[in-house]
Amino acid sequence: LALWRDDFLRISGFDEHYTGWGYEDSDLVIRLLHAKVCRKQGGNIITLLHLWHKENDRQHQAENWQRFLNTQRSHSILPSKD
């Protein structure tokens, strides 16, 4: 994922209420889409690099999923306040 800094700031960046593993990246993307940020597909012409890291604990996965669904339904561009 690559995006303009101004777009990242407009949606207030990552929602820091997410705990452990799960859906914070999806939350970021859905809020960018709600903010009408255009998406471009890179396909096979873009190199993807991923920094390996230990996977986070998944005990809050269900709670994170509900947080994501609430963001998706709300059409908000800002992180939830709870």
C-alpha atoms as a PDB file:
ATOM      1  CA  LEU A   1       0.000   0.000   0.000  1.00  0.00           C
ATOM      2  CA  ALA A   2       1.268   3.430  -0.873  1.00  0.00           C
ATOM      3  CA  LEU A   3      -0.611   6.666  -0.403  1.00  0.00           C
ATOM      4  CA  TRP A   4      -0.123  10.388  -0.209  1.00  0.00           C
ATOM      5  CA  ARG A   5       0.702  11.762   3.228  1.00  0.00           C
ATOM      6  CA  ASP A   6      -2.126  14.302   2.985  1.00  0.00           C
ATOM      7  CA  ASP A   7      -4.657  11.496   2.425  1.00  0.00           C
ATOM      8  CA  PHE A   8      -3.251   9.567   5.396  1.00  0.00           C
ATOM      9  CA  LEU A   9      -3.535  12.637   7.626  1.00  0.00           C
ATOM     10  CA  ARG A  10      -7.041  13.464   6.365  1.00  0.00           C
ATOM     11  CA  ILE A  11      -8.321  10.141   7.724  1.00  0.00           C
ATOM     12  CA  SER A  12      -6.214  10.503  10.913  1.00  0.00           C
ATOM     13  CA  GLY A  13      -3.987   7.552  10.074  1.00  0.00           C
ATOM     14  CA  PHE A  14      -4.336   4.143  11.668  1.00  0.00           C
ATOM     15  CA  ASP A  15      -7.058   3.498  14.240  1.00  0.00           C
ATOM     16  CA  GLU A  16      -5.018   2.824  17.362  1.00  0.00           C
ATOM     17  CA  HIS A  17      -7.957   1.158  19.135  1.00  0.00           C
ATOM     18  CA  TYR A  18      -7.182  -2.133  17.359  1.00  0.00           C
ATOM     19  CA  THR A  19      -5.476  -4.589  19.706  1.00  0.00           C
ATOM     20  CA  GLY A  20      -3.195  -7.414  18.584  1.00  0.00           C
ATOM     21  CA  TRP A  21      -3.742  -9.067  15.234  1.00  0.00           C
ATOM     22  CA  GLY A  22      -6.446  -8.205  12.814  1.00  0.00           C
ATOM     23  CA  TYR A  23      -8.091  -5.747  10.474  1.00  0.00           C
ATOM     24  CA  GLU A  24      -6.284  -2.469  11.213  1.00  0.00           C
ATOM     25  CA  ASP A  25      -5.011  -2.476   7.612  1.00  0.00           C
ATOM     26  CA  SER A  26      -8.511  -3.163   6.269  1.00  0.00           C
ATOM     27  CA  ASP A  27      -9.867  -0.354   8.440  1.00  0.00           C
ATOM     28  CA  LEU A  28      -7.318   2.051   6.968  1.00  0.00           C
ATOM     29  CA  VAL A  29      -8.260   1.053   3.411  1.00  0.00           C
ATOM     30  CA  ILE A  30     -12.024   1.300   3.936  1.00  0.00           C
ATOM     31  CA  ARG A  31     -11.676   4.784   5.452  1.00  0.00           C
ATOM     32  CA  LEU A  32      -9.541   5.846   2.467  1.00  0.00           C
ATOM     33  CA  LEU A  33     -12.281   4.560   0.153  1.00  0.00           C
ATOM     34  CA  HIS A  34     -14.918   6.418   2.211  1.00  0.00           C
ATOM     35  CA  ALA A  35     -12.789   9.556   1.740  1.00  0.00           C
ATOM     36  CA  LYS A  36     -12.971   9.002  -2.047  1.00  0.00           C
ATOM     37  CA  VAL A  37      -9.242   8.327  -2.404  1.00  0.00           C
ATOM     38  CA  CYS A  38      -8.756   6.701  -5.819  1.00  0.00           C
ATOM     39  CA  ARG A  39      -7.378   3.172  -5.904  1.00  0.00           C
ATOM     40  CA  LYS A  40      -4.952   1.954  -8.534  1.00  0.00           C
ATOM     41  CA  GLN A  41      -4.041  -1.659  -9.182  1.00  0.00           C
ATOM     42  CA  GLY A  42      -0.345  -2.322  -9.694  1.00  0.00           C
ATOM     43  CA  GLY A  43      -0.652  -5.925 -10.806  1.00  0.00           C
ATOM     44  CA  ASN A  44       2.618  -7.544 -11.778  1.00  0.00           C
ATOM     45  CA  ILE A  45       4.422  -4.270 -12.513  1.00  0.00           C
ATOM     46  CA  ILE A  46       4.991  -3.264  -8.883  1.00  0.00           C
ATOM     47  CA  THR A  47       7.482  -4.899  -6.571  1.00  0.00           C
ATOM     48  CA  LEU A  48       6.099  -5.745  -3.151  1.00  0.00           C
ATOM     49  CA  LEU A  49       8.366  -5.925  -0.133  1.00  0.00           C
ATOM     50  CA  HIS A  50       7.229  -7.100   3.273  1.00  0.00           C
ATOM     51  CA  LEU A  51       9.234  -6.860   6.452  1.00  0.00           C
ATOM     52  CA  TRP A  52       8.941 -10.152   8.313  1.00  0.00           C
ATOM     53  CA  HIS A  53       7.729  -9.790  11.887  1.00  0.00           C
ATOM     54  CA  LYS A  54       6.404 -12.042  14.592  1.00  0.00           C
ATOM     55  CA  GLU A  55       2.622 -12.386  14.259  1.00  0.00           C
ATOM     56  CA  ASN A  56       0.600 -10.584  16.923  1.00  0.00           C
ATOM     57  CA  ASP A  57      -1.692 -12.306  19.399  1.00  0.00           C
ATOM     58  CA  ARG A  58      -5.140 -13.107  17.932  1.00  0.00           C
ATOM     59  CA  GLN A  59      -7.190 -13.094  21.136  1.00  0.00           C
ATOM     60  CA  HIS A  60      -8.911  -9.803  20.132  1.00  0.00           C
ATOM     61  CA  GLN A  61      -9.621 -10.862  16.532  1.00  0.00           C
ATOM     62  CA  ALA A  62     -13.421 -11.018  16.985  1.00  0.00           C
ATOM     63  CA  GLU A  63     -13.497  -7.596  18.678  1.00  0.00           C
ATOM     64  CA  ASN A  64     -11.305  -6.152  15.908  1.00  0.00           C
ATOM     65  CA  TRP A  65     -13.616  -7.653  13.265  1.00  0.00           C
ATOM     66  CA  GLN A  66     -16.638  -5.928  14.853  1.00  0.00           C
ATOM     67  CA  ARG A  67     -14.736  -2.632  14.976  1.00  0.00           C
ATOM     68  CA  PHE A  68     -13.949  -2.991  11.252  1.00  0.00           C
ATOM     69  CA  LEU A  69     -17.594  -3.813  10.392  1.00  0.00           C
ATOM     70  CA  ASN A  70     -18.771  -0.752  12.340  1.00  0.00           C
ATOM     71  CA  THR A  71     -16.354   1.451  10.387  1.00  0.00           C
ATOM     72  CA  GLN A  72     -17.485  -0.092   7.106  1.00  0.00           C
ATOM     73  CA  ARG A  73     -21.166   0.491   7.885  1.00  0.00           C
ATOM     74  CA  SER A  74     -20.683   4.029   9.214  1.00  0.00           C
ATOM     75  CA  HIS A  75     -19.000   5.382   6.058  1.00  0.00           C
ATOM     76  CA  SER A  76     -16.783   7.418   8.390  1.00  0.00           C
ATOM     77  CA  ILE A  77     -13.335   8.534   7.322  1.00  0.00           C
ATOM     78  CA  LEU A  78     -12.138   8.976  10.925  1.00  0.00           C
ATOM     79  CA  PRO A  79     -11.217   6.270  13.456  1.00  0.00           C
ATOM     80  CA  SER A  80     -13.930   5.360  15.930  1.00  0.00           C
ATOM     81  CA  LYS A  81     -13.719   7.097  19.295  1.00  0.00           C
ATOM     82  CA  ASP A  82     -14.314   4.090  21.549  1.00  0.00           C
END
